[in-house]
């Protein structure tokens, strides 16, 4: 089932804007994530950062067509081409990679 997310570009919270700047730089230096979805494993590339309706940061990733990941077509069909993470989820994923 596809979920539709609304991402706003701006917020009035200065602290959140500073976090956005840091995470944007971080994601630009390490743009790829391999994500195990409910439909299989896919390789995703960072696309943009925005805000949800609660002014929380949301990071948007786009699935890439990498032959090493055979579940890509199923993921595209069932989940769509975008994958959304909160800042906490992103940092948890990188912490996991760093510890493995």
Foldseek 3Di string as FASTA:
>chain_A
DEDDFDFAADDPDPVQVVVQVVVVVVCVVVFWDWDQDPQGIFIWGWDHWGAGPVRFIKTKIFTDPDPVGPSVVVCCVPYNGIDIDGPVRVVVRVVVVVVD
